[in-house]
Structure formats: C-alpha cells, structure tokens
Amino acid sequence: MKTKLKTQLKKYHRKEEGLTLLEYAAGAAFVLMISAAAFAVLQTGVTGLFGSISANIDTISTNTAIGN
C-alpha cells in the first residue's frame, strides 16, 4: 500500500502539464520589457503630434482674433 502511494505520487510529480511560476514570471517580464520599449518609441511621436495640434490651435486662435 505504501509503495503504491509512493509510486502514484512520483508519477503525479513527474507530469509537466501547464506552466510553472517561473515561466509565468519570465513571460510577464518579457511583456513588461516590450511594453516599456514600445512606450519609449511612441512617446516621441505622440509628443510631436500633440505639439503640432497645439500649434495649429494657437495659429487658428490668433488668426481668428486678428480677423475680428
């Protein structure tokens, strides 16, 4: 009885279905690094876009005020 239980536990322990905590942590770290890199790359473009929009609004506002 004891050996049968021991055998079953060893058999269950050897199954490698699913991910381990280490694999989840590595995946999360990878996603975090990719996200940080994407934000760093996109930050310049987004800052430039909003700067351009702001300049256009200022130009329209100035031209409208002069026209009145």
N, C-alpha and C. Protein backbone atom coordinates (compact mmCIF):
# COMPACT_ATOMS: atom_id res chain seq x y z
N MET A 1 0.82 -1.19 0.00
CA MET A 1 0.00 0.00 0.00
C MET A 1 0.86 1.25 0.00
N LYS A 2 1.90 1.27 0.85
CA LYS A 2 2.77 2.42 0.94
C LYS A 2 3.53 2.64 -0.36
N THR A 3 4.01 1.57 -0.97
CA THR A 3 4.76 1.70 -2.22
C THR A 3 3.86 2.13 -3.36
N LYS A 4 2.62 1.68 -3.34
CA LYS A 4 1.69 2.08 -4.39
C LYS A 4 1.42 3.59 -4.30
N LEU A 5 1.24 4.09 -3.10
CA LEU A 5 1.02 5.52 -2.90
C LEU A 5 2.26 6.30 -3.31
N LYS A 6 3.41 5.80 -2.94
CA LYS A 6 4.66 6.45 -3.30
C LYS A 6 4.84 6.50 -4.82
N THR A 7 4.50 5.42 -5.49
CA THR A 7 4.59 5.35 -6.94
C THR A 7 3.64 6.34 -7.59
N GLN A 8 2.43 6.42 -7.08
CA GLN A 8 1.44 7.35 -7.63
C GLN A 8 1.90 8.81 -7.44
N LEU A 9 2.46 9.10 -6.28
CA LEU A 9 2.92 10.46 -6.03
C LEU A 9 4.08 10.83 -6.95
N LYS A 10 5.00 9.89 -7.17
CA LYS A 10 6.11 10.16 -8.08
C LYS A 10 5.60 10.37 -9.50
N LYS A 11 4.64 9.57 -9.90
CA LYS A 11 4.06 9.67 -11.24
C LYS A 11 3.36 11.03 -11.40
N TYR A 12 2.63 11.43 -10.38
CA TYR A 12 1.93 12.72 -10.44
C TYR A 12 2.94 13.87 -10.46
N HIS A 13 4.01 13.73 -9.71
CA HIS A 13 5.01 14.78 -9.60
C HIS A 13 5.76 14.97 -10.92
N ARG A 14 5.94 13.93 -11.70
CA ARG A 14 6.67 14.00 -12.96
C ARG A 14 5.86 14.64 -14.08
N LYS A 15 4.56 14.71 -13.95
CA LYS A 15 3.75 15.31 -15.01
C LYS A 15 4.09 16.79 -15.10
N GLU A 16 4.31 17.24 -16.31
CA GLU A 16 4.64 18.64 -16.50
C GLU A 16 3.60 19.30 -17.39
N GLU A 17 2.39 19.29 -16.94
CA GLU A 17 1.33 19.96 -17.67
C GLU A 17 1.19 21.37 -17.13
N GLY A 18 1.01 22.30 -18.01
CA GLY A 18 0.84 23.68 -17.57
C GLY A 18 2.17 24.36 -17.31
N LEU A 19 2.08 25.63 -16.99
CA LEU A 19 3.27 26.43 -16.77
C LEU A 19 3.61 26.52 -15.29
N THR A 20 4.89 26.67 -15.02
CA THR A 20 5.32 26.86 -13.64
C THR A 20 5.35 28.36 -13.34
N LEU A 21 5.51 28.68 -12.08
CA LEU A 21 5.56 30.08 -11.67
C LEU A 21 6.71 30.81 -12.35
N LEU A 22 7.84 30.13 -12.51
CA LEU A 22 8.99 30.74 -13.15
C LEU A 22 8.68 31.10 -14.61
N GLU A 23 7.97 30.23 -15.29
CA GLU A 23 7.61 30.51 -16.68
C GLU A 23 6.63 31.67 -16.78
N TYR A 24 5.69 31.76 -15.86
CA TYR A 24 4.77 32.90 -15.83
C TYR A 24 5.54 34.20 -15.56
N ALA A 25 6.48 34.16 -14.62
CA ALA A 25 7.27 35.35 -14.29
C ALA A 25 8.12 35.78 -15.48
N ALA A 26 8.71 34.83 -16.18
CA ALA A 26 9.52 35.16 -17.35
C ALA A 26 8.65 35.76 -18.45
N GLY A 27 7.47 35.23 -18.64
CA GLY A 27 6.54 35.78 -19.63
C GLY A 27 6.11 37.19 -19.28
N ALA A 28 5.80 37.42 -18.01
CA ALA A 28 5.39 38.75 -17.56
C ALA A 28 6.53 39.75 -17.72
N ALA A 29 7.75 39.34 -17.41
CA ALA A 29 8.91 40.22 -17.57
C ALA A 29 9.12 40.57 -19.04
N PHE A 30 8.94 39.60 -19.91
CA PHE A 30 9.09 39.84 -21.35
C PHE A 30 8.05 40.85 -21.84
N VAL A 31 6.81 40.66 -21.44
CA VAL A 31 5.73 41.58 -21.84
C VAL A 31 6.02 42.98 -21.30
N LEU A 32 6.50 43.07 -20.08
CA LEU A 32 6.83 44.37 -19.47
C LEU A 32 7.94 45.07 -20.24
N MET A 33 8.96 44.32 -20.63
CA MET A 33 10.07 44.92 -21.38
C MET A 33 9.62 45.41 -22.75
N ILE A 34 8.81 44.62 -23.43
CA ILE A 34 8.31 45.02 -24.74
C ILE A 34 7.42 46.25 -24.63
N SER A 35 6.57 46.28 -23.60
CA SER A 35 5.69 47.43 -23.38
C SER A 35 6.49 48.69 -23.10
N ALA A 36 7.51 48.58 -22.27
CA ALA A 36 8.34 49.74 -21.95
C ALA A 36 9.06 50.26 -23.19
N ALA A 37 9.55 49.35 -24.00
CA ALA A 37 10.23 49.76 -25.24
C ALA A 37 9.25 50.43 -26.20
N ALA A 38 8.05 49.90 -26.30
CA ALA A 38 7.05 50.48 -27.19
C ALA A 38 6.65 51.88 -26.72
N PHE A 39 6.47 52.05 -25.42
CA PHE A 39 6.12 53.37 -24.90
C PHE A 39 7.25 54.37 -25.14
N ALA A 40 8.49 53.94 -24.98
CA ALA A 40 9.63 54.83 -25.22
C ALA A 40 9.69 55.27 -26.68
N VAL A 41 9.42 54.35 -27.59
CA VAL A 41 9.46 54.68 -29.02
C VAL A 41 8.28 55.57 -29.39
N LEU A 42 7.11 55.27 -28.88
CA LEU A 42 5.91 56.03 -29.25
C LEU A 42 5.82 57.39 -28.56
N GLN A 43 6.53 57.57 -27.47
CA GLN A 43 6.45 58.82 -26.72
C GLN A 43 6.84 60.02 -27.58
N THR A 44 7.90 59.89 -28.33
CA THR A 44 8.38 60.99 -29.17
C THR A 44 7.34 61.35 -30.23
N GLY A 45 6.78 60.35 -30.87
CA GLY A 45 5.77 60.61 -31.90
C GLY A 45 4.52 61.24 -31.33
N VAL A 46 4.07 60.77 -30.21
CA VAL A 46 2.85 61.30 -29.59
C VAL A 46 3.09 62.73 -29.10
N THR A 47 4.25 62.99 -28.51
CA THR A 47 4.59 64.34 -28.05
C THR A 47 4.62 65.30 -29.23
N GLY A 48 5.21 64.88 -30.33
CA GLY A 48 5.24 65.71 -31.53
C GLY A 48 3.86 65.97 -32.10
N LEU A 49 3.02 64.96 -32.08
CA LEU A 49 1.65 65.10 -32.59
C LEU A 49 0.87 66.12 -31.77
N PHE A 50 0.94 65.99 -30.44
CA PHE A 50 0.20 66.93 -29.60
C PHE A 50 0.79 68.35 -29.70
N GLY A 51 2.10 68.45 -29.89
CA GLY A 51 2.72 69.77 -30.10
C GLY A 51 2.23 70.41 -31.37
N SER A 52 2.11 69.62 -32.42
CA SER A 52 1.62 70.11 -33.70
C SER A 52 0.16 70.56 -33.59
N ILE A 53 -0.64 69.77 -32.92
CA ILE A 53 -2.06 70.13 -32.74
C ILE A 53 -2.17 71.42 -31.94
N SER A 54 -1.36 71.55 -30.90
CA SER A 54 -1.38 72.76 -30.08
C SER A 54 -0.97 73.99 -30.89
N ALA A 55 0.05 73.84 -31.71
CA ALA A 55 0.50 74.96 -32.56
C ALA A 55 -0.58 75.36 -33.55
N ASN A 56 -1.26 74.38 -34.12
CA ASN A 56 -2.33 74.68 -35.07
C ASN A 56 -3.49 75.40 -34.38
N ILE A 57 -3.83 74.97 -33.19
CA ILE A 57 -4.91 75.63 -32.44
C ILE A 57 -4.52 77.08 -32.12
N ASP A 58 -3.26 77.28 -31.72
CA ASP A 58 -2.79 78.64 -31.43
C ASP A 58 -2.85 79.52 -32.68
N THR A 59 -2.46 78.96 -33.83
CA THR A 59 -2.48 79.71 -35.08
C THR A 59 -3.91 80.08 -35.45
N ILE A 60 -4.83 79.13 -35.36
CA ILE A 60 -6.24 79.39 -35.67
C ILE A 60 -6.81 80.44 -34.72
N SER A 61 -6.46 80.31 -33.45
CA SER A 61 -6.95 81.25 -32.44
C SER A 61 -6.42 82.65 -32.72
N THR A 62 -5.16 82.77 -33.08
CA THR A 62 -4.56 84.09 -33.38
C THR A 62 -5.17 84.68 -34.63
N ASN A 63 -5.33 83.89 -35.67
CA ASN A 63 -5.91 84.38 -36.92
C ASN A 63 -7.36 84.80 -36.74
N THR A 64 -8.10 84.09 -35.92
CA THR A 64 -9.50 84.42 -35.67
C THR A 64 -9.59 85.73 -34.89
N ALA A 65 -8.70 85.92 -33.91
CA ALA A 65 -8.72 87.13 -33.11
C ALA A 65 -8.33 88.34 -33.94
N ILE A 66 -7.41 88.19 -34.88
CA ILE A 66 -6.98 89.30 -35.75
C ILE A 66 -8.10 89.65 -36.72
N GLY A 67 -8.80 88.64 -37.21
CA GLY A 67 -9.87 88.86 -38.19
C GLY A 67 -11.07 89.60 -37.63
N ASN A 68 -11.28 89.56 -36.33
CA ASN A 68 -12.46 90.23 -35.74
C ASN A 68 -12.17 91.64 -35.57
